[in-house]
Protein backbone atom coordinates (compact mmCIF):
# COMPACT_ATOMS: atom_id res chain seq x y z
CA MET A 1 -135.03 -15.70 -84.07
CA ASP A 2 -135.84 -12.30 -85.55
CA ALA A 3 -132.54 -10.39 -85.50
CA SER A 4 -134.42 -7.08 -85.35
CA GLU A 5 -136.41 -8.09 -82.27
CA SER A 6 -135.45 -6.29 -79.07
CA ARG A 7 -133.98 -8.47 -76.33
CA ILE A 8 -135.03 -7.09 -72.96
CA ALA A 9 -133.61 -7.45 -69.45
CA LEU A 10 -135.95 -6.34 -66.66
CA TYR A 11 -134.76 -5.17 -63.22
CA LEU A 12 -137.34 -4.33 -60.55
CA ASP A 13 -136.63 -2.27 -57.44
CA PHE A 14 -139.55 -4.09 -55.88
CA GLU A 15 -139.74 -2.26 -52.57
CA ASN A 16 -140.00 1.07 -54.38
CA LEU A 17 -142.80 -0.18 -56.64
CA ALA A 18 -144.84 -2.11 -54.08
CA ILE A 19 -144.75 0.57 -51.39
CA GLY A 20 -145.33 3.30 -53.98
CA ALA A 21 -148.40 1.50 -55.35
CA ARG A 22 -149.83 1.03 -51.85
CA GLU A 23 -149.24 4.61 -50.69
CA ASP A 24 -149.90 6.53 -53.92
CA LEU A 25 -152.85 4.52 -55.22
CA GLY A 26 -155.07 4.15 -52.20
CA GLY A 27 -153.90 0.76 -50.95
CA HIS A 28 -153.51 -0.79 -54.43
CA LYS A 29 -151.65 -4.11 -54.45
CA PHE A 30 -148.86 -4.08 -57.00
CA ASN A 31 -149.67 -6.22 -60.06
CA PHE A 32 -146.83 -7.46 -62.26
CA LYS A 33 -148.90 -8.69 -65.22
CA PRO A 34 -149.49 -5.25 -66.85
CA ILE A 35 -145.71 -4.73 -66.87
CA ALA A 36 -145.19 -8.14 -68.45
CA ASP A 37 -147.79 -7.38 -71.12
CA ALA A 38 -146.29 -3.96 -71.90
CA LEU A 39 -142.82 -5.45 -72.33
CA ALA A 40 -144.11 -8.33 -74.47
CA GLU A 41 -145.28 -5.69 -76.94
CA ARG A 42 -141.78 -4.22 -77.08
CA GLY A 43 -139.67 -7.33 -77.56
CA ARG A 44 -138.45 -10.64 -76.11
CA VAL A 45 -137.79 -10.54 -72.37
CA ILE A 46 -134.78 -12.73 -71.65
CA ALA A 47 -134.27 -11.88 -67.95
CA ARG A 48 -136.61 -10.81 -65.16
CA ARG A 49 -135.15 -10.00 -61.74
CA ALA A 50 -136.78 -8.42 -58.70
CA TYR A 51 -134.75 -7.20 -55.69
CA ALA A 52 -136.13 -6.98 -52.14
CA ASP A 53 -136.08 -8.38 -48.65
CA TRP A 54 -138.74 -10.97 -49.47
CA ASN A 55 -139.64 -11.53 -45.85
CA MET A 56 -141.32 -8.11 -46.15
CA PHE A 57 -143.19 -8.99 -49.36
CA GLU A 58 -144.14 -12.62 -48.89
CA GLU A 59 -147.60 -12.12 -50.41
CA PHE A 60 -146.11 -11.18 -53.81
CA ARG A 61 -143.84 -14.21 -54.23
CA ARG A 62 -146.33 -16.52 -55.95
CA ASP A 63 -147.43 -13.94 -58.52
CA LEU A 64 -143.86 -13.03 -59.47
CA VAL A 65 -142.67 -16.63 -59.70
CA THR A 66 -145.67 -17.44 -61.88
CA HIS A 67 -144.43 -14.76 -64.28
CA GLN A 68 -140.90 -16.27 -64.30
CA VAL A 69 -139.40 -13.44 -62.24
CA GLU A 70 -136.17 -14.37 -60.45
CA LEU A 71 -136.39 -13.20 -56.83
CA ILE A 72 -133.10 -11.77 -55.57
CA GLU A 73 -133.01 -11.88 -51.77
CA ILE A 74 -131.43 -8.81 -50.16
CA PRO A 75 -131.99 -8.85 -46.36
CA GLN A 76 -132.44 -5.37 -44.94
CA ARG A 77 -130.72 -6.27 -41.67
CA MET A 78 -127.83 -8.57 -40.80
CA GLY A 79 -127.93 -8.95 -37.04
CA ASN A 80 -127.92 -5.44 -35.62
CA THR A 81 -126.61 -3.87 -38.86
CA ALA A 82 -128.98 -2.17 -41.31
CA ARG A 83 -127.97 -2.68 -44.93
CA LYS A 84 -128.92 0.68 -46.40
CA ASN A 85 -129.25 0.67 -50.23
CA ALA A 86 -127.99 -2.91 -50.45
CA ALA A 87 -130.73 -3.88 -52.94
CA ASP A 88 -130.10 -0.80 -55.09
CA ILE A 89 -126.37 -1.48 -55.29
CA LYS A 90 -126.86 -5.17 -56.13
CA MET A 91 -129.40 -4.31 -58.82
CA ALA A 92 -127.09 -1.73 -60.43
CA VAL A 93 -124.10 -4.09 -60.39
CA ASP A 94 -126.13 -6.92 -61.93
CA ALA A 95 -127.50 -4.67 -64.69
CA LEU A 96 -124.02 -3.46 -65.65
CA GLU A 97 -122.68 -7.01 -65.57
CA MET A 98 -125.46 -8.05 -67.95
CA ALA A 99 -124.67 -5.11 -70.24
CA PHE A 100 -121.01 -6.08 -70.53
CA GLU A 101 -121.42 -9.85 -70.71
CA ARG A 102 -124.57 -10.14 -72.87
CA GLU A 103 -124.06 -7.94 -75.90
CA TYR A 104 -127.22 -9.30 -77.50
CA VAL A 105 -129.34 -7.60 -74.81
CA THR A 106 -130.54 -4.41 -76.51
CA THR A 107 -132.95 -2.96 -73.95
CA PHE A 108 -132.80 -2.61 -70.18
CA VAL A 109 -135.98 -1.93 -68.23
CA ILE A 110 -135.30 -0.28 -64.86
CA ALA A 111 -138.48 -0.39 -62.80
CA THR A 112 -138.15 2.17 -60.01
CA GLY A 113 -138.82 5.80 -59.24
CA ASP A 114 -135.59 6.31 -57.31
CA SER A 115 -133.27 9.00 -58.68
CA ASP A 116 -130.29 7.03 -57.34
CA PHE A 117 -130.59 4.88 -60.47
CA THR A 118 -130.08 7.84 -62.82
CA PRO A 119 -126.28 7.23 -63.11
CA LEU A 120 -127.01 3.59 -64.01
CA VAL A 121 -129.36 4.74 -66.77
CA HIS A 122 -126.72 7.13 -68.13
CA LYS A 123 -124.07 4.39 -68.13
CA LEU A 124 -126.32 1.89 -69.90
CA ARG A 125 -127.07 4.44 -72.61
CA GLU A 126 -123.34 5.12 -72.96
CA LEU A 127 -123.01 1.40 -73.66
CA ASN A 128 -125.50 1.81 -76.53
CA LYS A 129 -128.36 0.17 -74.66
CA ARG A 130 -131.93 1.40 -74.87
CA VAL A 131 -133.33 2.12 -71.40
CA VAL A 132 -137.01 2.04 -70.47
CA GLY A 133 -138.07 3.20 -67.03
CA ILE A 134 -141.21 2.22 -65.11
CA GLY A 135 -142.43 3.97 -61.98
CA LEU A 136 -145.30 5.47 -60.02
CA LYS A 137 -146.12 9.07 -60.89
CA ASP A 138 -146.19 10.43 -57.35
CA SER A 139 -143.10 8.53 -56.18
CA THR A 140 -140.88 8.92 -59.25
CA SER A 141 -138.10 11.49 -59.06
CA ALA A 142 -138.27 14.21 -61.71
CA LEU A 143 -134.63 13.40 -62.57
CA LEU A 144 -135.25 9.84 -63.71
CA PRO A 145 -137.70 9.98 -66.68
CA PRO A 146 -135.66 12.46 -68.79
CA ALA A 147 -132.62 10.18 -68.46
CA CYS A 148 -134.44 7.25 -70.10
CA ASP A 149 -135.26 6.56 -73.73
CA GLU A 150 -138.85 5.88 -72.67
CA PHE A 151 -140.60 6.06 -69.33
CA LEU A 152 -143.85 4.23 -68.56
CA PHE A 153 -145.98 5.28 -65.64
CA TYR A 154 -147.39 2.23 -63.88
CA GLU A 155 -150.82 3.86 -63.58
CA ASN A 156 -151.09 4.20 -67.37
CA LEU A 157 -150.49 0.52 -68.14
CA ASP A 158 -153.36 -1.49 -69.61
CA GLY A 159 -155.01 -4.09 -67.43
CA LEU A 160 -154.89 -2.31 -64.07
CA ASP A 161 -157.80 -1.88 -61.67
CA LEU A 162 -157.26 1.45 -59.96
CA PRO A 163 -159.38 3.78 -57.82
CA THR A 164 -161.34 6.14 -60.04
CA THR A 165 -159.89 9.19 -58.28
CA SER A 166 -156.27 8.07 -58.30
CA SER A 167 -153.75 10.50 -59.72
CA ARG A 168 -154.11 10.88 -63.45
CA ARG A 169 -151.61 12.62 -65.72
CA ARG A 170 -152.07 14.70 -68.82
CA ASN A 171 -149.32 16.77 -70.40
CA GLY A 172 -147.20 16.48 -67.26
CA ARG A 173 -149.92 17.68 -64.86
CA ARG A 174 -150.97 15.57 -61.88
CA ARG A 175 -154.45 15.76 -60.55
CA GLY A 176 -156.91 13.90 -58.35
CA GLY A 177 -156.56 12.15 -55.03
CA ARG A 178 -155.79 8.63 -53.94
CA GLY A 179 -159.41 7.53 -53.76
CA GLN A 180 -159.05 5.16 -50.80
CA ASP A 181 -162.81 4.74 -50.46
CA GLN A 182 -163.57 4.47 -54.17
CA PRO A 183 -164.60 1.24 -55.92
CA GLN A 184 -161.98 -0.55 -58.01
CA VAL A 185 -162.76 -0.08 -61.71
CA GLN A 186 -160.79 -0.03 -64.94
CA PRO A 187 -159.84 3.62 -65.58
CA GLU A 188 -161.21 5.12 -68.77
CA VAL A 189 -159.02 6.99 -71.22
CA GLU A 190 -160.29 10.54 -71.00
CA PRO A 191 -161.07 12.28 -74.29
CA ALA A 192 -158.73 15.08 -75.28
CA THR A 193 -159.91 18.65 -74.73
CA THR A 194 -159.44 21.39 -77.31
CA ALA A 195 -156.47 22.75 -75.34
CA ASP A 196 -154.91 19.29 -75.28
CA LEU A 197 -155.27 18.94 -79.04
CA VAL A 198 -153.70 22.36 -79.62
CA ASP A 199 -150.72 21.34 -77.45
CA LEU A 200 -150.51 18.01 -79.25
CA GLU A 201 -150.62 19.63 -82.68
CA GLN A 202 -147.73 21.91 -81.77
CA ILE A 203 -145.64 19.04 -80.40
CA VAL A 204 -146.23 16.86 -83.46
CA THR A 205 -145.72 19.63 -86.03
CA GLN A 206 -142.49 20.80 -84.37
CA THR A 207 -141.15 17.27 -84.33
CA LEU A 208 -142.26 16.47 -87.87
CA SER A 209 -140.69 19.69 -89.19
CA GLY A 210 -137.39 18.84 -87.53
CA LEU A 211 -137.39 15.29 -88.89
CA GLN A 212 -138.08 16.51 -92.42
CA ARG A 213 -135.17 18.95 -92.24
CA THR A 214 -132.70 16.35 -90.99
CA SER A 215 -133.71 13.50 -93.29
CA ASP A 216 -134.54 13.00 -96.95
CA GLY A 217 -138.04 14.31 -96.25
CA VAL A 218 -139.64 10.88 -95.72
CA VAL A 219 -140.87 10.48 -92.13
CA LEU A 220 -142.49 7.24 -91.01
CA SER A 221 -144.92 6.90 -88.13
CA SER A 222 -142.41 4.82 -86.15
CA SER A 223 -139.71 7.47 -86.61
CA LEU A 224 -142.07 10.20 -85.46
CA LYS A 225 -143.00 8.24 -82.31
CA ARG A 226 -139.33 7.60 -81.49
CA ALA A 227 -138.53 11.30 -81.92
CA LEU A 228 -141.41 12.30 -79.63
CA LEU A 229 -140.08 9.91 -76.98
CA ARG A 230 -136.58 11.33 -77.34
CA LYS A 231 -137.99 14.78 -76.62
CA ASP A 232 -140.15 13.56 -73.74
CA PRO A 233 -139.60 9.96 -72.56
CA THR A 234 -142.93 10.12 -70.69
CA PHE A 235 -144.90 10.93 -73.85
CA SER A 236 -147.96 8.73 -74.20
CA GLU A 237 -150.88 9.07 -76.58
CA ALA A 238 -153.11 7.88 -73.72
CA ASP A 239 -152.48 11.21 -71.96
CA TYR A 240 -154.36 12.89 -74.83
CA GLY A 241 -157.25 10.44 -74.89
CA PHE A 242 -156.00 8.02 -77.57
CA ARG A 243 -155.59 4.28 -77.17
CA ALA A 244 -152.97 3.93 -79.90
CA PHE A 245 -150.51 6.17 -81.73
CA GLY A 246 -152.24 5.36 -85.01
CA GLU A 247 -155.51 6.72 -83.60
CA LEU A 248 -153.71 9.93 -82.62
CA LEU A 249 -152.31 10.32 -86.15
CA SER A 250 -155.71 9.63 -87.71
CA THR A 251 -157.26 12.40 -85.62
CA LEU A 252 -154.58 14.91 -86.65
CA GLY A 253 -155.03 13.78 -90.24
CA ALA A 254 -158.78 14.41 -90.04
CA ARG A 255 -158.03 17.89 -88.70
CA GLU A 256 -155.74 18.43 -91.75
CA ILE A 257 -152.73 18.99 -89.53
CA ILE A 258 -150.81 16.16 -91.20
CA ASP A 259 -151.13 13.88 -94.22
CA ILE A 260 -150.96 10.10 -93.83
CA SER A 261 -149.99 7.90 -96.77
CA GLU A 262 -148.95 4.28 -97.20
CA GLY A 263 -145.37 3.58 -96.14
CA PRO A 264 -142.92 0.86 -97.21
CA ALA A 265 -144.07 -1.45 -94.39
CA ARG A 266 -147.59 -2.34 -93.36
CA GLY A 267 -148.67 -0.52 -90.22
CA ASP A 268 -145.94 2.12 -90.55
CA PRO A 269 -147.40 4.91 -92.73
CA GLU A 270 -145.55 7.93 -94.06
CA ILE A 271 -146.36 11.21 -92.32
CA SER A 272 -146.08 14.61 -93.99
CA PHE A 273 -147.67 18.04 -94.01
CA PRO A 274 -150.66 18.75 -96.29
CA GLU A 275 -149.56 19.95 -99.72
CA ASP A 276 -151.98 22.86 -99.64
CA GLY A 277 -150.61 24.39 -96.48
CA GLY A 278 -150.29 23.83 -92.77
CA GLN A 279 -149.01 25.85 -89.84
CA GLU A 280 -145.41 25.92 -91.08
CA GLU A 281 -146.40 26.95 -94.62
CA ALA A 282 -148.58 29.75 -93.24
CA ALA A 283 -145.56 31.12 -91.37
CA PHE A 284 -143.44 30.95 -94.55
CA GLU A 285 -146.16 32.80 -96.45
CA LEU A 286 -146.20 35.47 -93.73
CA LEU A 287 -142.45 35.95 -94.18
CA GLY A 288 -142.91 36.32 -97.94
CA ARG A 289 -145.64 38.95 -97.50
CA VAL A 290 -143.64 40.95 -94.96
CA VAL A 291 -140.52 40.90 -97.18
CA ALA A 292 -142.61 42.15 -100.10
CA GLU A 293 -144.24 44.92 -98.05
CA VAL A 294 -141.02 46.11 -96.40
CA GLY A 295 -138.83 45.96 -99.50
CA LYS A 296 -141.46 46.96 -102.05
CA GLY A 297 -139.69 44.75 -104.57
CA ASP A 298 -136.12 45.44 -103.38
CA PRO A 299 -133.99 43.06 -101.28
CA VAL A 300 -134.26 43.55 -97.52
CA PRO A 301 -131.72 42.49 -94.87
CA LEU A 302 -132.49 39.52 -92.68
CA SER A 303 -131.60 41.54 -89.56
CA GLY A 304 -134.72 43.09 -88.14
CA MET A 305 -137.08 40.93 -90.22
CA LYS A 306 -138.26 38.98 -87.21
CA ASP A 307 -139.36 42.22 -85.54
CA GLN A 308 -141.18 43.19 -88.73
CA MET A 309 -143.06 39.88 -88.68
CA ARG A 310 -144.03 40.38 -85.06
CA LYS A 311 -145.55 43.74 -85.96
CA VAL A 312 -147.94 41.80 -88.18
CA ASP A 313 -148.34 38.78 -85.88
CA SER A 314 -147.25 39.45 -82.30
CA SER A 315 -147.40 35.72 -81.46
CA PHE A 316 -144.90 34.70 -84.14
CA SER A 317 -141.99 32.55 -83.00
CA GLU A 318 -139.91 30.30 -85.21
CA LYS A 319 -139.49 27.96 -82.25
CA ALA A 320 -143.20 27.12 -82.43
CA PHE A 321 -142.40 25.29 -85.69
CA GLY A 322 -139.35 23.46 -84.41
CA PHE A 323 -136.65 25.86 -85.65
CA GLY A 324 -133.71 26.70 -83.43
CA GLY A 325 -133.41 30.29 -84.72
CA PHE A 326 -134.80 32.78 -87.21
CA LEU A 327 -131.92 32.19 -89.64
CA GLN A 328 -132.78 28.49 -89.79
CA PHE A 329 -136.45 29.36 -90.31
CA SER A 330 -135.58 31.77 -93.17
CA LYS A 331 -133.34 29.20 -94.87
CA ALA A 332 -136.19 26.69 -94.73
CA ALA A 333 -138.55 29.26 -96.27
CA ALA A 334 -135.99 29.90 -99.02
CA ALA A 335 -135.62 26.16 -99.65
CA ARG A 336 -139.40 25.96 -100.08
CA ARG A 337 -139.24 29.00 -102.45
CA PHE A 338 -141.37 31.36 -100.36
CA VAL A 339 -138.48 33.85 -100.53
CA SER A 340 -135.05 34.00 -102.13
CA MET A 341 -132.07 34.44 -99.83
CA GLU A 342 -128.49 35.39 -100.70
CA TRP A 343 -125.47 36.53 -98.70
CA ASP A 344 -124.29 40.07 -99.41
CA ASP A 345 -120.65 40.85 -98.50
CA GLU A 346 -121.18 44.59 -98.54
CA ALA A 347 -124.18 44.46 -96.22
CA GLU A 348 -122.60 41.62 -94.23
CA ASP A 349 -126.06 40.10 -94.01
CA TYR A 350 -128.44 37.89 -95.88
CA LEU A 351 -130.76 39.72 -98.27
CA LEU A 352 -134.30 38.48 -98.79
CA THR A 353 -136.54 39.06 -101.79
CA PRO A 354 -140.10 37.73 -102.19
């Protein structure tokens, strides 16, 4: 067995998914196979459990059993007593038990949109487990996706037949209706608009800049994708019109936003900025020009330099390039030799020279 292969345990809050699919997607019948296919691409699934009162979901039994899903029976009523949240509690207890007793399980997939599972996600991550969430866009709490390492929206999974007007997501925006009277067709991946590409370029360049500053400068495609997911667990290249992350990178490479070169492993190229410039380099050059103009050859204090840059370019912000503050931006510019930067005790400030 490949020691580096992820071992996955899947837990489905089935009532949440099945009812959500029916109500949010115009009567769509929940289909487990796209979830199985998505997880097969991420590792070896060693446990599949679905929790529900199966008397309410009899029509789904055969499909789930065919996919080796263990059906956990949680009756909603015992006599005259309603068992509120019984399935949720059982599912959470079982997941934690698995985490403690099966150390080899590296990834937990929590399929639900219910925010009540957010504490479970936090606890699993505390136990050094990777957590992937799966849910319906319109029935997933806003609290749940940011808690996960990655969050997959059911509607975005390959292999689904959905109404053409069902809710579609791009850059966090929901649009469209449920399309109850629309024919069932495979949804097309919509091409990215110019605005989408501008947003995407900023997200990727910010993330790439940060990775370069916190590593030895070598950033692989896989590392970049993981960092994007850490920033936004719902990030998906499909939301920008791409069918694969490699296709997204190729497009940005063709637009000369990034450079792509062969990495140490096949299929995992090295990503960098073009040697002859890029958005970050242009900002560093602007700093160098402003320092030269303000100081006229003499050192100038760092304090107030950001305001001077905004007089030249009112849209300037170091945060657009992934820097936490202007000092960090200036140190990066000095490290790239666009300016020199030294601390002056008398001025109690950094002094910049071009």
